[in-house]
Protein backbone atom coordinates (compact mmCIF):
# COMPACT_ATOMS: atom_id res chain seq x y z
CA UNK A 1 -0.08 -0.02 -0.04
CA UNK A 2 1.09 3.50 -0.75
CA UNK A 3 -0.36 6.97 -0.29
CA UNK A 4 -0.68 9.33 -3.14
CA UNK A 5 1.04 12.77 -2.47
CA UNK A 6 -1.70 14.54 -4.48
CA UNK A 7 -4.98 13.19 -3.34
CA UNK A 8 -3.90 11.61 -0.12
CA UNK A 9 -5.53 8.18 -0.81
CA UNK A 10 -3.82 5.12 0.46
CA UNK A 11 -3.91 2.66 -2.52
CA UNK A 12 -2.55 -0.69 -3.63
CA UNK A 13 0.78 -0.42 -5.56
CA UNK A 14 -0.76 -1.40 -8.86
CA UNK A 15 -2.43 2.10 -8.76
CA UNK A 16 0.96 3.84 -9.19
CA UNK A 17 3.17 4.11 -12.33
CA UNK A 18 6.70 2.80 -12.10
CA UNK A 19 9.41 5.31 -11.82
CA UNK A 20 13.03 4.06 -11.84
CA UNK A 21 14.43 7.16 -10.10
CA UNK A 22 12.00 6.87 -7.10
CA UNK A 23 13.39 5.06 -4.00
CA UNK A 24 10.56 2.70 -4.04
CA UNK A 25 10.29 2.45 -7.79
CA UNK A 26 6.89 4.09 -7.99
CA UNK A 27 5.56 7.50 -8.85
CA UNK A 28 4.49 9.61 -5.82
CA UNK A 29 1.14 10.33 -7.43
CA UNK A 30 -1.46 7.63 -8.21
CA UNK A 31 -2.35 6.84 -11.62
CA UNK A 32 -5.59 8.85 -11.61
CA UNK A 33 -3.75 12.02 -10.19
CA UNK A 34 -0.86 11.47 -12.73
CA UNK A 35 -3.34 11.46 -15.62
CA UNK A 36 -5.07 14.55 -14.41
CA UNK A 37 -1.76 16.34 -14.06
CA UNK A 38 -0.70 15.31 -17.50
CA UNK A 39 -4.02 16.31 -19.02
CA UNK A 40 -3.79 19.73 -17.45
CA UNK A 41 -0.18 20.17 -18.76
CA UNK A 42 -1.18 19.14 -22.26
CA UNK A 43 -3.95 21.77 -22.24
CA UNK A 44 -1.28 24.46 -21.90
CA UNK A 45 0.58 25.74 -24.95
CA UNK A 46 3.92 24.63 -23.71
CA UNK A 47 2.49 21.08 -22.90
CA UNK A 48 0.57 20.92 -26.17
CA UNK A 49 3.68 21.74 -28.28
CA UNK A 50 5.88 19.38 -26.29
CA UNK A 51 3.28 16.45 -26.65
CA UNK A 52 3.11 17.26 -30.42
CA UNK A 53 6.80 16.78 -30.62
CA UNK A 54 6.88 13.66 -28.47
CA UNK A 55 4.06 12.19 -30.53
CA UNK A 56 6.15 12.67 -33.78
CA UNK A 57 9.11 11.17 -32.20
CA UNK A 58 7.06 8.13 -30.85
CA UNK A 59 5.34 7.67 -34.09
CA UNK A 60 8.58 7.55 -35.92
CA UNK A 61 10.27 5.20 -33.56
CA UNK A 62 7.38 2.82 -32.62
CA UNK A 63 4.94 2.67 -35.51
CA UNK A 64 4.71 -0.93 -36.91
CA UNK A 65 4.08 0.61 -40.31
CA UNK A 66 7.23 2.55 -40.21
CA UNK A 67 9.38 -0.19 -38.36
CA UNK A 68 8.60 -2.59 -41.26
CA UNK A 69 9.87 -0.14 -43.99
CA UNK A 70 13.29 -0.60 -45.68
CA UNK A 71 15.98 1.88 -44.20
CA UNK A 72 15.77 4.24 -47.13
CA UNK A 73 12.09 4.53 -46.65
CA UNK A 74 12.40 5.15 -43.04
CA UNK A 75 14.38 8.28 -43.63
CA UNK A 76 11.23 9.90 -45.09
CA UNK A 77 9.70 9.75 -41.53
CA UNK A 78 12.83 10.42 -39.32
CA UNK A 79 12.70 13.37 -36.96
CA UNK A 80 16.20 15.26 -36.82
CA UNK A 81 15.00 18.08 -34.79
CA UNK A 82 15.53 18.28 -30.99
CA UNK A 83 12.62 19.07 -28.60
CA UNK A 84 14.31 22.40 -27.74
CA UNK A 85 14.63 23.47 -31.41
CA UNK A 86 10.97 22.32 -32.16
CA UNK A 87 9.74 24.55 -29.44
CA UNK A 88 11.92 27.46 -30.81
CA UNK A 89 10.55 26.86 -34.30
CA UNK A 90 7.06 27.28 -33.00
CA UNK A 91 7.98 30.46 -31.32
CA UNK A 92 9.50 31.73 -34.57
CA UNK A 93 6.29 30.65 -36.30
CA UNK A 94 4.28 32.67 -33.96
CA UNK A 95 6.47 35.71 -34.51
CA UNK A 96 5.99 35.50 -38.22
CA UNK A 97 2.39 34.28 -38.64
CA UNK A 98 0.90 34.81 -35.07
CA UNK A 99 -1.58 31.98 -34.13
CA UNK A 100 -2.56 31.37 -37.70
CA UNK A 101 -1.79 28.43 -40.28
CA UNK A 102 1.42 29.09 -42.31
CA UNK A 103 -0.55 27.98 -45.47
CA UNK A 104 -4.13 29.42 -45.12
CA UNK A 105 -3.88 31.99 -42.51
CA UNK A 106 -6.77 30.55 -40.55
CA UNK A 107 -6.45 30.74 -36.73
CA UNK A 108 -4.73 27.95 -35.13
CA UNK A 109 -4.90 26.85 -31.39
CA UNK A 110 -2.23 25.01 -29.37
CA UNK A 111 -5.04 22.97 -27.63
CA UNK A 112 -5.79 19.15 -27.80
CA UNK A 113 -8.97 18.05 -29.46
CA UNK A 114 -10.84 14.77 -29.17
CA UNK A 115 -10.02 12.05 -31.72
CA UNK A 116 -13.39 12.61 -33.33
CA UNK A 117 -12.75 16.25 -33.85
CA UNK A 118 -9.12 16.07 -34.90
CA UNK A 119 -9.62 16.01 -38.76
CA UNK A 120 -11.74 19.03 -38.69
CA UNK A 121 -9.98 20.99 -35.93
CA UNK A 122 -7.86 24.05 -36.03
CA UNK A 123 -5.45 22.83 -33.45
CA UNK A 124 -1.74 23.09 -34.34
CA UNK A 125 -0.31 20.30 -36.56
CA UNK A 126 3.12 19.80 -38.12
CA UNK A 127 3.27 19.47 -41.86
CA UNK A 128 6.18 18.10 -43.83
CA UNK A 129 6.32 20.21 -46.94
CA UNK A 130 8.05 17.35 -48.76
CA UNK A 131 6.48 13.98 -47.81
CA UNK A 132 9.65 12.36 -49.17
CA UNK A 133 11.82 14.07 -46.62
CA UNK A 134 11.58 13.51 -42.74
CA UNK A 135 10.90 16.02 -39.96
CA UNK A 136 13.81 18.32 -40.63
CA UNK A 137 14.12 22.05 -39.68
CA UNK A 138 13.78 23.03 -43.39
CA UNK A 139 10.86 20.75 -44.09
CA UNK A 140 8.35 21.51 -41.46
CA UNK A 141 5.67 24.10 -40.97
CA UNK A 142 3.00 24.60 -38.40
CA UNK A 143 -0.47 24.39 -39.95
CA UNK A 144 -3.93 23.71 -38.82
CA UNK A 145 -4.88 20.04 -38.35
CA UNK A 146 -7.69 20.45 -40.82
CA UNK A 147 -5.18 21.80 -43.55
CA UNK A 148 -2.72 19.05 -42.73
CA UNK A 149 -5.44 16.30 -43.23
CA UNK A 150 -6.48 17.87 -46.52
CA UNK A 151 -2.91 18.20 -47.84
CA UNK A 152 -1.95 14.67 -46.80
CA UNK A 153 0.91 13.57 -48.99
CA UNK A 154 0.46 16.11 -51.76
CA UNK A 155 3.89 16.82 -53.47
CA UNK A 156 5.18 20.07 -55.07
CA UNK A 157 4.76 18.36 -58.46
CA UNK A 158 1.15 17.63 -57.92
CA UNK A 159 0.41 21.28 -56.72
CA UNK A 160 1.99 22.56 -59.99
CA UNK A 161 -0.12 20.13 -61.95
CA UNK A 162 -3.16 21.23 -60.17
CA UNK A 163 -2.33 24.92 -60.87
CA UNK A 164 -1.64 24.15 -64.52
CA UNK A 165 -4.97 22.35 -64.93
CA UNK A 166 -6.86 25.45 -63.31
CA UNK A 167 -4.99 27.80 -65.76
CA UNK A 168 -5.78 25.58 -68.68
CA UNK A 169 -9.44 25.76 -67.74
CA UNK A 170 -9.14 29.63 -67.43
CA UNK A 171 -9.97 29.52 -63.65
C-alpha cells in the first residue's frame, strides 16, 4: 500500500506508475492523479507543443508501419529536430504568422482536441512540406490540423499540376 501525495488516498501499488528514479520504484502520485496532471499540462501551450513533438518522435520510432519499412524509406519519416529546437521553431512561427496557419492564415490553437474532432479542428499540426523528406528544420511548418489532413501527401509536383489544370481551364 502507498499514499498518493496529490489526493492523499492510500492505494494498492498497482495504482501507481513505475518510476526508476524513485526510492520505491513508483511515482509519488497515483495513476488517476498523474493522468489529471498530464491532461492539465497538455492543455497548456507549452504542454501541447511538447506533446506534439513527442508524438512525432514516438510515431517515427514505434509505428509498426514505419518499423517494417526498408531503411531508405524510414528516412522519409525520421525526426532530426531536438525538442528544444522544435519549441524554438514554434516560437519563430508565432513571430512570423501569429496564431495562424502558415498555409491558409486561418487561426490555429495549441490545444488538444478529441480524436473525433481532430480531422476538422484548427489545432496546431506539423506538416512536412515534402513528404519524401523527414521532420527536418527546413521541411516542417505549423499548420491547422484540418489543412494538414487535406494536404496529406500532396507533393510540389502535384500542386504545380493542379495549378496548371486550373490555368488551362481559365479558372
